[in-house]
Amino acid sequence: MTFLWSLIIGGIIGWIAGAIIGRDVPGGIIGNIIAGFVGAWLGTLILGDWGPHVAGFAIIPAIIGAIVVVFIVSAIMRGMRTRGTAAK
């Protein structure tokens, strides 16, 4: 049950990050979960383990880290799309 709860919270963190910067995460709900987990890891690594915790995630650093992850992934995906249409 703990693993399922972590997946749900990771997905919500990824979704919040996408909503804040106004870009969708590629991959839908799986992409949101991955962005949430990677963002939580990155945010905790950079900002530390502070603030409220839910399902093992420090929420504020996790959201900030997920924002960075979503921004980078969406920029890479946009660059790949632009490069793909320019080659045609």
PDB file of N, CA and C in Angstrom:
ATOM      1  N   MET A   1       0.815  -1.188   0.000  1.00  0.00           N
ATOM      2  CA  MET A   1       0.000   0.000   0.000  1.00  0.00           C
ATOM      3  C   MET A   1       0.866   1.263   0.000  1.00  0.00           C
ATOM      4  N   THR A   2       2.017   1.192   0.656  1.00  0.00           N
ATOM      5  CA  THR A   2       2.917   2.345   0.698  1.00  0.00           C
ATOM      6  C   THR A   2       3.431   2.679  -0.693  1.00  0.00           C
ATOM      7  N   PHE A   3       3.751   1.667  -1.492  1.00  0.00           N
ATOM      8  CA  PHE A   3       4.243   1.890  -2.849  1.00  0.00           C
ATOM      9  C   PHE A   3       3.176   2.578  -3.698  1.00  0.00           C
ATOM     10  N   LEU A   4       1.935   2.137  -3.580  1.00  0.00           N
ATOM     11  CA  LEU A   4       0.834   2.745  -4.323  1.00  0.00           C
ATOM     12  C   LEU A   4       0.649   4.201  -3.919  1.00  0.00           C
ATOM     13  N   TRP A   5       0.718   4.473  -2.634  1.00  0.00           N
ATOM     14  CA  TRP A   5       0.596   5.839  -2.132  1.00  0.00           C
ATOM     15  C   TRP A   5       1.733   6.707  -2.680  1.00  0.00           C
ATOM     16  N   SER A   6       2.946   6.178  -2.751  1.00  0.00           N
ATOM     17  CA  SER A   6       4.081   6.917  -3.311  1.00  0.00           C
ATOM     18  C   SER A   6       3.872   7.225  -4.788  1.00  0.00           C
ATOM     19  N   LEU A   7       3.313   6.269  -5.537  1.00  0.00           N
ATOM     20  CA  LEU A   7       3.020   6.510  -6.954  1.00  0.00           C
ATOM     21  C   LEU A   7       1.995   7.629  -7.127  1.00  0.00           C
ATOM     22  N   ILE A   8       0.977   7.609  -6.290  1.00  0.00           N
ATOM     23  CA  ILE A   8      -0.064   8.635  -6.374  1.00  0.00           C
ATOM     24  C   ILE A   8       0.509  10.012  -6.051  1.00  0.00           C
ATOM     25  N   ILE A   9       1.262  10.124  -4.979  1.00  0.00           N
ATOM     26  CA  ILE A   9       1.843  11.410  -4.588  1.00  0.00           C
ATOM     27  C   ILE A   9       2.866  11.870  -5.633  1.00  0.00           C
ATOM     28  N   GLY A  10       3.671  10.955  -6.167  1.00  0.00           N
ATOM     29  CA  GLY A  10       4.615  11.308  -7.230  1.00  0.00           C
ATOM     30  C   GLY A  10       3.904  11.849  -8.458  1.00  0.00           C
ATOM     31  N   GLY A  11       2.783  11.225  -8.824  1.00  0.00           N
ATOM     32  CA  GLY A  11       1.989  11.699  -9.957  1.00  0.00           C
ATOM     33  C   GLY A  11       1.405  13.080  -9.715  1.00  0.00           C
ATOM     34  N   ILE A  12       0.937  13.301  -8.497  1.00  0.00           N
ATOM     35  CA  ILE A  12       0.376  14.613  -8.157  1.00  0.00           C
ATOM     36  C   ILE A  12       1.455  15.680  -8.183  1.00  0.00           C
ATOM     37  N   ILE A  13       2.642  15.363  -7.676  1.00  0.00           N
ATOM     38  CA  ILE A  13       3.750  16.328  -7.697  1.00  0.00           C
ATOM     39  C   ILE A  13       4.117  16.674  -9.135  1.00  0.00           C
ATOM     40  N   GLY A  14       4.210  15.684 -10.009  1.00  0.00           N
ATOM     41  CA  GLY A  14       4.501  15.933 -11.421  1.00  0.00           C
ATOM     42  C   GLY A  14       3.421  16.755 -12.087  1.00  0.00           C
ATOM     43  N   TRP A  15       2.165  16.478 -11.760  1.00  0.00           N
ATOM     44  CA  TRP A  15       1.051  17.230 -12.331  1.00  0.00           C
ATOM     45  C   TRP A  15       1.076  18.685 -11.868  1.00  0.00           C
ATOM     46  N   ILE A  16       1.349  18.906 -10.579  1.00  0.00           N
ATOM     47  CA  ILE A  16       1.428  20.268 -10.040  1.00  0.00           C
ATOM     48  C   ILE A  16       2.551  21.036 -10.733  1.00  0.00           C
ATOM     49  N   ALA A  17       3.697  20.392 -10.923  1.00  0.00           N
ATOM     50  CA  ALA A  17       4.820  21.054 -11.593  1.00  0.00           C
ATOM     51  C   ALA A  17       4.443  21.452 -13.011  1.00  0.00           C
ATOM     52  N   GLY A  18       3.784  20.564 -13.747  1.00  0.00           N
ATOM     53  CA  GLY A  18       3.348  20.881 -15.099  1.00  0.00           C
ATOM     54  C   GLY A  18       2.335  22.005 -15.123  1.00  0.00           C
ATOM     55  N   ALA A  19       1.431  22.021 -14.146  1.00  0.00           N
ATOM     56  CA  ALA A  19       0.420  23.073 -14.074  1.00  0.00           C
ATOM     57  C   ALA A  19       1.045  24.421 -13.731  1.00  0.00           C
ATOM     58  N   ILE A  20       2.060  24.430 -12.892  1.00  0.00           N
ATOM     59  CA  ILE A  20       2.696  25.693 -12.504  1.00  0.00           C
ATOM     60  C   ILE A  20       3.405  26.334 -13.682  1.00  0.00           C
ATOM     61  N   ILE A  21       4.137  25.543 -14.472  1.00  0.00           N
ATOM     62  CA  ILE A  21       4.861  26.154 -15.594  1.00  0.00           C
ATOM     63  C   ILE A  21       4.059  26.147 -16.883  1.00  0.00           C
ATOM     64  N   GLY A  22       2.879  25.541 -16.853  1.00  0.00           N
ATOM     65  CA  GLY A  22       1.990  25.591 -18.004  1.00  0.00           C
ATOM     66  C   GLY A  22       2.399  24.694 -19.161  1.00  0.00           C
ATOM     67  N   ARG A  23       3.100  23.630 -18.874  1.00  0.00           N
ATOM     68  CA  ARG A  23       3.517  22.679 -19.907  1.00  0.00           C
ATOM     69  C   ARG A  23       3.149  21.268 -19.473  1.00  0.00           C
ATOM     70  N   ASP A  24       2.727  20.471 -20.438  1.00  0.00           N
ATOM     71  CA  ASP A  24       2.399  19.085 -20.135  1.00  0.00           C
ATOM     72  C   ASP A  24       3.654  18.233 -20.124  1.00  0.00           C
ATOM     73  N   VAL A  25       3.640  17.249 -19.259  1.00  0.00           N
ATOM     74  CA  VAL A  25       4.730  16.296 -19.207  1.00  0.00           C
ATOM     75  C   VAL A  25       4.471  15.231 -20.273  1.00  0.00           C
ATOM     76  N   PRO A  26       5.460  14.958 -21.130  1.00  0.00           N
ATOM     77  CA  PRO A  26       5.258  13.878 -22.102  1.00  0.00           C
ATOM     78  C   PRO A  26       5.046  12.547 -21.379  1.00  0.00           C
ATOM     79  N   GLY A  27       4.153  11.733 -21.887  1.00  0.00           N
ATOM     80  CA  GLY A  27       3.919  10.421 -21.294  1.00  0.00           C
ATOM     81  C   GLY A  27       2.708  10.350 -20.397  1.00  0.00           C
ATOM     82  N   GLY A  28       1.959  11.426 -20.270  1.00  0.00           N
ATOM     83  CA  GLY A  28       0.739  11.409 -19.469  1.00  0.00           C
ATOM     84  C   GLY A  28       0.995  11.136 -18.004  1.00  0.00           C
ATOM     85  N   ILE A  29       0.194  10.242 -17.435  1.00  0.00           N
ATOM     86  CA  ILE A  29       0.292   9.971 -15.999  1.00  0.00           C
ATOM     87  C   ILE A  29       1.611   9.306 -15.629  1.00  0.00           C
ATOM     88  N   ILE A  30       2.119   8.442 -16.508  1.00  0.00           N
ATOM     89  CA  ILE A  30       3.427   7.813 -16.236  1.00  0.00           C
ATOM     90  C   ILE A  30       4.509   8.880 -16.230  1.00  0.00           C
ATOM     91  N   GLY A  31       4.440   9.821 -17.150  1.00  0.00           N
ATOM     92  CA  GLY A  31       5.395  10.930 -17.183  1.00  0.00           C
ATOM     93  C   GLY A  31       5.304  11.785 -15.936  1.00  0.00           C
ATOM     94  N   ASN A  32       4.074  12.009 -15.445  1.00  0.00           N
ATOM     95  CA  ASN A  32       3.900  12.771 -14.207  1.00  0.00           C
ATOM     96  C   ASN A  32       4.520  12.047 -13.018  1.00  0.00           C
ATOM     97  N   ILE A  33       4.334  10.735 -12.960  1.00  0.00           N
ATOM     98  CA  ILE A  33       4.898   9.962 -11.859  1.00  0.00           C
ATOM     99  C   ILE A  33       6.421  10.011 -11.913  1.00  0.00           C
ATOM    100  N   ILE A  34       6.981   9.830 -13.099  1.00  0.00           N
ATOM    101  CA  ILE A  34       8.444   9.870 -13.246  1.00  0.00           C
ATOM    102  C   ILE A  34       8.969  11.256 -12.898  1.00  0.00           C
ATOM    103  N   ALA A  35       8.307  12.305 -13.411  1.00  0.00           N
ATOM    104  CA  ALA A  35       8.729  13.679 -13.095  1.00  0.00           C
ATOM    105  C   ALA A  35       8.631  13.940 -11.605  1.00  0.00           C
ATOM    106  N   GLY A  36       7.610  13.404 -10.945  1.00  0.00           N
ATOM    107  CA  GLY A  36       7.465  13.570  -9.500  1.00  0.00           C
ATOM    108  C   GLY A  36       8.578  12.895  -8.726  1.00  0.00           C
ATOM    109  N   PHE A  37       8.913  11.653  -9.113  1.00  0.00           N
ATOM    110  CA  PHE A  37       9.977  10.932  -8.418  1.00  0.00           C
ATOM    111  C   PHE A  37      11.349  11.566  -8.669  1.00  0.00           C
ATOM    112  N   VAL A  38      11.651  11.862  -9.937  1.00  0.00           N
ATOM    113  CA  VAL A  38      12.945  12.467 -10.255  1.00  0.00           C
ATOM    114  C   VAL A  38      13.031  13.863  -9.650  1.00  0.00           C
ATOM    115  N   GLY A  39      11.927  14.607  -9.719  1.00  0.00           N
ATOM    116  CA  GLY A  39      11.891  15.941  -9.124  1.00  0.00           C
ATOM    117  C   GLY A  39      12.072  15.914  -7.625  1.00  0.00           C
ATOM    118  N   ALA A  40      11.470  14.932  -6.969  1.00  0.00           N
ATOM    119  CA  ALA A  40      11.640  14.798  -5.519  1.00  0.00           C
ATOM    120  C   ALA A  40      13.092  14.493  -5.171  1.00  0.00           C
ATOM    121  N   TRP A  41      13.691  13.614  -5.946  1.00  0.00           N
ATOM    122  CA  TRP A  41      15.102  13.292  -5.708  1.00  0.00           C
ATOM    123  C   TRP A  41      15.976  14.526  -5.922  1.00  0.00           C
ATOM    124  N   LEU A  42      15.767  15.222  -7.047  1.00  0.00           N
ATOM    125  CA  LEU A  42      16.569  16.403  -7.370  1.00  0.00           C
ATOM    126  C   LEU A  42      16.347  17.523  -6.355  1.00  0.00           C
ATOM    127  N   GLY A  43      15.089  17.780  -6.025  1.00  0.00           N
ATOM    128  CA  GLY A  43      14.777  18.841  -5.071  1.00  0.00           C
ATOM    129  C   GLY A  43      15.363  18.574  -3.698  1.00  0.00           C
ATOM    130  N   THR A  44      15.290  17.326  -3.242  1.00  0.00           N
ATOM    131  CA  THR A  44      15.857  16.971  -1.944  1.00  0.00           C
ATOM    132  C   THR A  44      17.376  17.041  -1.981  1.00  0.00           C
ATOM    133  N   LEU A  45      17.968  16.663  -3.097  1.00  0.00           N
ATOM    134  CA  LEU A  45      19.414  16.723  -3.243  1.00  0.00           C
ATOM    135  C   LEU A  45      19.916  18.166  -3.177  1.00  0.00           C
ATOM    136  N   ILE A  46      19.216  19.062  -3.856  1.00  0.00           N
ATOM    137  CA  ILE A  46      19.654  20.460  -3.933  1.00  0.00           C
ATOM    138  C   ILE A  46      19.214  21.262  -2.713  1.00  0.00           C
ATOM    139  N   LEU A  47      17.948  21.129  -2.323  1.00  0.00           N
ATOM    140  CA  LEU A  47      17.381  21.991  -1.281  1.00  0.00           C
ATOM    141  C   LEU A  47      17.330  21.358   0.105  1.00  0.00           C
ATOM    142  N   GLY A  48      17.522  20.066   0.193  1.00  0.00           N
ATOM    143  CA  GLY A  48      17.469  19.403   1.486  1.00  0.00           C
ATOM    144  C   GLY A  48      16.090  18.829   1.761  1.00  0.00           C
ATOM    145  N   ASP A  49      15.954  18.248   2.914  1.00  0.00           N
ATOM    146  CA  ASP A  49      14.742  17.534   3.304  1.00  0.00           C
ATOM    147  C   ASP A  49      13.984  18.338   4.353  1.00  0.00           C
ATOM    148  N   TRP A  50      13.282  19.377   3.914  1.00  0.00           N
ATOM    149  CA  TRP A  50      12.554  20.248   4.834  1.00  0.00           C
ATOM    150  C   TRP A  50      11.119  20.413   4.364  1.00  0.00           C
ATOM    151  N   GLY A  51      10.297  20.962   5.213  1.00  0.00           N
ATOM    152  CA  GLY A  51       8.897  21.199   4.880  1.00  0.00           C
ATOM    153  C   GLY A  51       8.045  19.987   5.198  1.00  0.00           C
ATOM    154  N   PRO A  52       6.783  20.087   4.850  1.00  0.00           N
ATOM    155  CA  PRO A  52       5.879  18.964   5.138  1.00  0.00           C
ATOM    156  C   PRO A  52       6.227  17.728   4.314  1.00  0.00           C
ATOM    157  N   HIS A  53       6.016  16.568   4.917  1.00  0.00           N
ATOM    158  CA  HIS A  53       6.295  15.287   4.265  1.00  0.00           C
ATOM    159  C   HIS A  53       5.002  14.511   4.066  1.00  0.00           C
ATOM    160  N   VAL A  54       4.843  13.955   2.873  1.00  0.00           N
ATOM    161  CA  VAL A  54       3.716  13.072   2.575  1.00  0.00           C
ATOM    162  C   VAL A  54       4.280  11.883   1.805  1.00  0.00           C
ATOM    163  N   ALA A  55       4.016  10.697   2.276  1.00  0.00           N
ATOM    164  CA  ALA A  55       4.447   9.447   1.633  1.00  0.00           C
ATOM    165  C   ALA A  55       5.945   9.432   1.357  1.00  0.00           C
ATOM    166  N   GLY A  56       6.727   9.987   2.255  1.00  0.00           N
ATOM    167  CA  GLY A  56       8.173   9.979   2.094  1.00  0.00           C
ATOM    168  C   GLY A  56       8.724  11.102   1.237  1.00  0.00           C
ATOM    169  N   PHE A  57       7.863  11.979   0.731  1.00  0.00           N
ATOM    170  CA  PHE A  57       8.299  13.103  -0.099  1.00  0.00           C
ATOM    171  C   PHE A  57       8.279  14.382   0.723  1.00  0.00           C
ATOM    172  N   ALA A  58       9.371  15.139   0.690  1.00  0.00           N
ATOM    173  CA  ALA A  58       9.366  16.499   1.227  1.00  0.00           C
ATOM    174  C   ALA A  58       8.708  17.348   0.142  1.00  0.00           C
ATOM    175  N   ILE A  59       7.488  17.776   0.368  1.00  0.00           N
ATOM    176  CA  ILE A  59       6.633  18.318  -0.680  1.00  0.00           C
ATOM    177  C   ILE A  59       7.213  19.544  -1.381  1.00  0.00           C
ATOM    178  N   ILE A  60       7.661  20.529  -0.653  1.00  0.00           N
ATOM    179  CA  ILE A  60       8.129  21.777  -1.282  1.00  0.00           C
ATOM    180  C   ILE A  60       9.380  21.550  -2.134  1.00  0.00           C
ATOM    181  N   PRO A  61      10.440  20.913  -1.621  1.00  0.00           N
ATOM    182  CA  PRO A  61      11.583  20.633  -2.490  1.00  0.00           C
ATOM    183  C   PRO A  61      11.222  19.720  -3.662  1.00  0.00           C
ATOM    184  N   ALA A  62      10.285  18.787  -3.459  1.00  0.00           N
ATOM    185  CA  ALA A  62       9.879  17.880  -4.529  1.00  0.00           C
ATOM    186  C   ALA A  62       9.185  18.634  -5.652  1.00  0.00           C
ATOM    187  N   ILE A  63       8.324  19.569  -5.314  1.00  0.00           N
ATOM    188  CA  ILE A  63       7.632  20.356  -6.344  1.00  0.00           C
ATOM    189  C   ILE A  63       8.615  21.239  -7.088  1.00  0.00           C
ATOM    190  N   ILE A  64       9.532  21.871  -6.372  1.00  0.00           N
ATOM    191  CA  ILE A  64      10.533  22.720  -7.027  1.00  0.00           C
ATOM    192  C   ILE A  64      11.418  21.881  -7.942  1.00  0.00           C
ATOM    193  N   GLY A  65      11.850  20.722  -7.481  1.00  0.00           N
ATOM    194  CA  GLY A  65      12.657  19.833  -8.319  1.00  0.00           C
ATOM    195  C   GLY A  65      11.886  19.336  -9.530  1.00  0.00           C
ATOM    196  N   ALA A  66      10.600  19.023  -9.348  1.00  0.00           N
ATOM    197  CA  ALA A  66       9.778  18.559 -10.461  1.00  0.00           C
ATOM    198  C   ALA A  66       9.552  19.668 -11.480  1.00  0.00           C
ATOM    199  N   ILE A  67       9.452  20.912 -11.037  1.00  0.00           N
ATOM    200  CA  ILE A  67       9.341  22.041 -11.967  1.00  0.00           C
ATOM    201  C   ILE A  67      10.573  22.095 -12.853  1.00  0.00           C
ATOM    202  N   VAL A  68      11.743  21.933 -12.258  1.00  0.00           N
ATOM    203  CA  VAL A  68      12.989  21.937 -13.036  1.00  0.00           C
ATOM    204  C   VAL A  68      12.996  20.782 -14.037  1.00  0.00           C
ATOM    205  N   VAL A  69      12.598  19.602 -13.593  1.00  0.00           N
ATOM    206  CA  VAL A  69      12.582  18.424 -14.470  1.00  0.00           C
ATOM    207  C   VAL A  69      11.603  18.617 -15.627  1.00  0.00           C
ATOM    208  N   VAL A  70      10.391  19.088 -15.343  1.00  0.00           N
ATOM    209  CA  VAL A  70       9.389  19.292 -16.388  1.00  0.00           C
ATOM    210  C   VAL A  70       9.864  20.350 -17.377  1.00  0.00           C
ATOM    211  N   PHE A  71      10.464  21.417 -16.885  1.00  0.00           N
ATOM    212  CA  PHE A  71      10.970  22.470 -17.764  1.00  0.00           C
ATOM    213  C   PHE A  71      12.049  21.927 -18.699  1.00  0.00           C
ATOM    214  N   ILE A  72      12.993  21.183 -18.162  1.00  0.00           N
ATOM    215  CA  ILE A  72      14.082  20.636 -18.976  1.00  0.00           C
ATOM    216  C   ILE A  72      13.556  19.630 -19.997  1.00  0.00           C
ATOM    217  N   VAL A  73      12.696  18.716 -19.560  1.00  0.00           N
ATOM    218  CA  VAL A  73      12.158  17.703 -20.481  1.00  0.00           C
ATOM    219  C   VAL A  73      11.326  18.353 -21.573  1.00  0.00           C
ATOM    220  N   SER A  74      10.489  19.334 -21.224  1.00  0.00           N
ATOM    221  CA  SER A  74       9.667  19.980 -22.249  1.00  0.00           C
ATOM    222  C   SER A  74      10.521  20.782 -23.216  1.00  0.00           C
ATOM    223  N   ALA A  75      11.608  21.401 -22.742  1.00  0.00           N
ATOM    224  CA  ALA A  75      12.513  22.132 -23.637  1.00  0.00           C
ATOM    225  C   ALA A  75      13.217  21.177 -24.597  1.00  0.00           C
ATOM    226  N   ILE A  76      13.644  20.037 -24.095  1.00  0.00           N
ATOM    227  CA  ILE A  76      14.295  19.043 -24.957  1.00  0.00           C
ATOM    228  C   ILE A  76      13.311  18.519 -25.997  1.00  0.00           C
ATOM    229  N   MET A  77      12.099  18.194 -25.567  1.00  0.00           N
ATOM    230  CA  MET A  77      11.095  17.674 -26.494  1.00  0.00           C
ATOM    231  C   MET A  77      10.728  18.718 -27.553  1.00  0.00           C
ATOM    232  N   ARG A  78      10.624  19.985 -27.159  1.00  0.00           N
ATOM    233  CA  ARG A  78      10.318  21.049 -28.106  1.00  0.00           C
ATOM    234  C   ARG A  78      11.460  21.212 -29.095  1.00  0.00           C
ATOM    235  N   GLY A  79      12.699  21.114 -28.638  1.00  0.00           N
ATOM    236  CA  GLY A  79      13.857  21.197 -29.523  1.00  0.00           C
ATOM    237  C   GLY A  79      13.906  20.040 -30.507  1.00  0.00           C
ATOM    238  N   MET A  80      13.531  18.860 -30.047  1.00  0.00           N
ATOM    239  CA  MET A  80      13.512  17.704 -30.941  1.00  0.00           C
ATOM    240  C   MET A  80      12.423  17.851 -32.000  1.00  0.00           C
ATOM    241  N   ARG A  81      11.259  18.387 -31.609  1.00  0.00           N
ATOM    242  CA  ARG A  81      10.184  18.615 -32.573  1.00  0.00           C
ATOM    243  C   ARG A  81      10.577  19.673 -33.592  1.00  0.00           C
ATOM    244  N   THR A  82      11.214  20.732 -33.142  1.00  0.00           N
ATOM    245  CA  THR A  82      11.636  21.802 -34.035  1.00  0.00           C
ATOM    246  C   THR A  82      12.697  21.300 -35.001  1.00  0.00           C
ATOM    247  N   ARG A  83      13.629  20.551 -34.514  1.00  0.00           N
ATOM    248  CA  ARG A  83      14.682  19.998 -35.357  1.00  0.00           C
ATOM    249  C   ARG A  83      14.111  18.992 -36.369  1.00  0.00           C
ATOM    250  N   GLY A  84      13.129  18.222 -35.937  1.00  0.00           N
ATOM    251  CA  GLY A  84      12.504  17.238 -36.829  1.00  0.00           C
ATOM    252  C   GLY A  84      11.739  17.885 -37.963  1.00  0.00           C
ATOM    253  N   THR A  85      11.071  19.009 -37.715  1.00  0.00           N
ATOM    254  CA  THR A  85      10.322  19.683 -38.778  1.00  0.00           C
ATOM    255  C   THR A  85      11.249  20.492 -39.671  1.00  0.00           C
ATOM    256  N   ALA A  86      12.379  20.951 -39.145  1.00  0.00           N
ATOM    257  CA  ALA A  86      13.326  21.721 -39.956  1.00  0.00           C
ATOM    258  C   ALA A  86      14.069  20.813 -40.944  1.00  0.00           C
ATOM    259  N   ALA A  87      14.205  19.535 -40.611  1.00  0.00           N
ATOM    260  CA  ALA A  87      14.933  18.618 -41.489  1.00  0.00           C
ATOM    261  C   ALA A  87      14.105  18.181 -42.696  1.00  0.00           C
ATOM    262  N   LYS A  88      12.815  18.365 -42.631  1.00  0.00           N
ATOM    263  CA  LYS A  88      11.946  17.913 -43.737  1.00  0.00           C
ATOM    264  C   LYS A  88      11.965  18.837 -44.900  1.00  0.00           C
TER     265      LYS A  88
END
